[in-house]
Amino acid sequence: MKNDNAVIKDQKYIEALRISYENLLDEYRDISQDNKSLTKENMYYADFISWMHLETQFEEFRKNAHLQQPEDMPFPYYTM
């Protein structure tokens, strides 16, 4: 039988694992929700492109666009 110190160590370890699991689960749920939202947004964009008959222009942009990084902006964006 384990001594009391070993049992307390095991309980602390299990509690730390439980907390880590809950934190990771929360993060996973946030990422999953973001993914659902972005998927829905992409569907709107695709349907809008189709509705406006812009498939050819979109494909041309996609093939020829390049990333540009303005010095005064934190993120790059695609441009022709």
C-alpha atoms as a PDB file:
ATOM      1  CA  MET A   1       0.000   0.000   0.000  1.00  0.00           C
ATOM      2  CA  LYS A   2       1.260   3.462  -0.854  1.00  0.00           C
ATOM      3  CA  ASN A   3       2.205   5.830   1.881  1.00  0.00           C
ATOM      4  CA  ASP A   4       0.210   9.027   2.443  1.00  0.00           C
ATOM      5  CA  ASN A   5       2.770  11.248   0.689  1.00  0.00           C
ATOM      6  CA  ALA A   6       2.608   9.167  -2.468  1.00  0.00           C
ATOM      7  CA  VAL A   7      -1.209   9.285  -2.459  1.00  0.00           C
ATOM      8  CA  ILE A   8      -1.181  13.076  -2.020  1.00  0.00           C
ATOM      9  CA  LYS A   9       1.356  13.397  -4.875  1.00  0.00           C
ATOM     10  CA  ASP A  10      -0.868  11.245  -7.099  1.00  0.00           C
ATOM     11  CA  GLN A  11      -3.932  13.326  -6.217  1.00  0.00           C
ATOM     12  CA  LYS A  12      -2.081  16.573  -7.013  1.00  0.00           C
ATOM     13  CA  TYR A  13      -0.861  15.100 -10.300  1.00  0.00           C
ATOM     14  CA  ILE A  14      -4.373  13.942 -11.235  1.00  0.00           C
ATOM     15  CA  GLU A  15      -5.798  17.361 -10.343  1.00  0.00           C
ATOM     16  CA  ALA A  16      -3.178  19.113 -12.451  1.00  0.00           C
ATOM     17  CA  LEU A  17      -4.007  16.794 -15.363  1.00  0.00           C
ATOM     18  CA  ARG A  18      -7.724  17.494 -14.924  1.00  0.00           C
ATOM     19  CA  ILE A  19      -7.137  21.249 -15.017  1.00  0.00           C
ATOM     20  CA  SER A  20      -4.921  20.914 -18.092  1.00  0.00           C
ATOM     21  CA  TYR A  21      -7.557  18.765 -19.776  1.00  0.00           C
ATOM     22  CA  GLU A  22     -10.297  21.306 -19.046  1.00  0.00           C
ATOM     23  CA  ASN A  23      -8.149  24.153 -20.386  1.00  0.00           C
ATOM     24  CA  LEU A  24      -7.370  22.223 -23.575  1.00  0.00           C
ATOM     25  CA  LEU A  25     -11.028  21.284 -23.972  1.00  0.00           C
ATOM     26  CA  ASP A  26     -12.048  24.946 -23.660  1.00  0.00           C
ATOM     27  CA  GLU A  27      -9.426  25.884 -26.260  1.00  0.00           C
ATOM     28  CA  TYR A  28     -10.645  23.125 -28.569  1.00  0.00           C
ATOM     29  CA  ARG A  29     -14.237  24.327 -28.236  1.00  0.00           C
ATOM     30  CA  ASP A  30     -13.187  27.895 -29.074  1.00  0.00           C
ATOM     31  CA  ILE A  31     -11.246  26.728 -32.132  1.00  0.00           C
ATOM     32  CA  SER A  32     -14.135  24.519 -33.208  1.00  0.00           C
ATOM     33  CA  GLN A  33     -16.585  27.431 -32.929  1.00  0.00           C
ATOM     34  CA  ASP A  34     -14.218  29.697 -34.873  1.00  0.00           C
ATOM     35  CA  ASN A  35     -13.943  27.018 -37.551  1.00  0.00           C
ATOM     36  CA  LYS A  36     -17.733  26.766 -37.856  1.00  0.00           C
ATOM     37  CA  SER A  37     -18.044  30.534 -38.139  1.00  0.00           C
ATOM     38  CA  LEU A  38     -15.301  30.787 -40.766  1.00  0.00           C
ATOM     39  CA  THR A  39     -16.771  27.899 -42.747  1.00  0.00           C
ATOM     40  CA  LYS A  40     -20.126  29.660 -42.816  1.00  0.00           C
ATOM     41  CA  GLU A  41     -18.451  32.925 -43.836  1.00  0.00           C
ATOM     42  CA  ASN A  42     -16.593  31.147 -46.654  1.00  0.00           C
ATOM     43  CA  MET A  43     -19.885  29.730 -47.883  1.00  0.00           C
ATOM     44  CA  TYR A  44     -21.308  33.259 -48.062  1.00  0.00           C
ATOM     45  CA  TYR A  45     -18.275  34.441 -50.037  1.00  0.00           C
ATOM     46  CA  ALA A  46     -18.448  31.506 -52.440  1.00  0.00           C
ATOM     47  CA  ASP A  47     -22.182  31.934 -52.947  1.00  0.00           C
ATOM     48  CA  PHE A  48     -21.780  35.672 -53.474  1.00  0.00           C
ATOM     49  CA  ILE A  49     -19.062  35.109 -56.087  1.00  0.00           C
ATOM     50  CA  SER A  50     -21.315  32.637 -57.844  1.00  0.00           C
ATOM     51  CA  TRP A  51     -24.400  34.855 -57.571  1.00  0.00           C
ATOM     52  CA  MET A  52     -22.518  37.813 -59.050  1.00  0.00           C
ATOM     53  CA  HIS A  53     -20.972  35.591 -61.767  1.00  0.00           C
ATOM     54  CA  LEU A  54     -17.468  36.548 -60.655  1.00  0.00           C
ATOM     55  CA  GLU A  55     -15.883  33.095 -60.846  1.00  0.00           C
ATOM     56  CA  THR A  56     -13.573  34.055 -63.735  1.00  0.00           C
ATOM     57  CA  GLN A  57     -12.390  37.254 -62.044  1.00  0.00           C
ATOM     58  CA  PHE A  58     -11.860  35.408 -58.770  1.00  0.00           C
ATOM     59  CA  GLU A  59      -9.768  32.699 -60.434  1.00  0.00           C
ATOM     60  CA  GLU A  60      -7.691  35.348 -62.210  1.00  0.00           C
ATOM     61  CA  PHE A  61      -7.102  37.139 -58.913  1.00  0.00           C
ATOM     62  CA  ARG A  62      -6.249  33.885 -57.189  1.00  0.00           C
ATOM     63  CA  LYS A  63      -3.678  32.950 -59.834  1.00  0.00           C
ATOM     64  CA  ASN A  64      -2.022  36.370 -60.092  1.00  0.00           C
ATOM     65  CA  ALA A  65      -2.340  37.954 -56.644  1.00  0.00           C
ATOM     66  CA  HIS A  66       0.640  38.322 -54.353  1.00  0.00           C
ATOM     67  CA  LEU A  67       1.061  39.207 -50.710  1.00  0.00           C
ATOM     68  CA  GLN A  68       1.924  42.782 -49.912  1.00  0.00           C
ATOM     69  CA  GLN A  69       3.128  43.907 -46.497  1.00  0.00           C
ATOM     70  CA  PRO A  70       2.608  47.615 -45.876  1.00  0.00           C
ATOM     71  CA  GLU A  71       4.975  49.056 -43.303  1.00  0.00           C
ATOM     72  CA  ASP A  72       2.173  50.722 -41.364  1.00  0.00           C
ATOM     73  CA  MET A  73      -0.023  47.598 -41.138  1.00  0.00           C
ATOM     74  CA  PRO A  74       0.532  44.488 -38.994  1.00  0.00           C
ATOM     75  CA  PHE A  75      -0.712  41.941 -41.546  1.00  0.00           C
ATOM     76  CA  PRO A  76      -0.079  41.365 -45.232  1.00  0.00           C
ATOM     77  CA  TYR A  77      -2.890  41.242 -47.794  1.00  0.00           C
ATOM     78  CA  TYR A  78      -3.306  39.969 -51.321  1.00  0.00           C
ATOM     79  CA  THR A  79      -3.211  42.443 -54.166  1.00  0.00           C
ATOM     80  CA  MET A  80      -2.672  42.411 -57.926  1.00  0.00           C
END
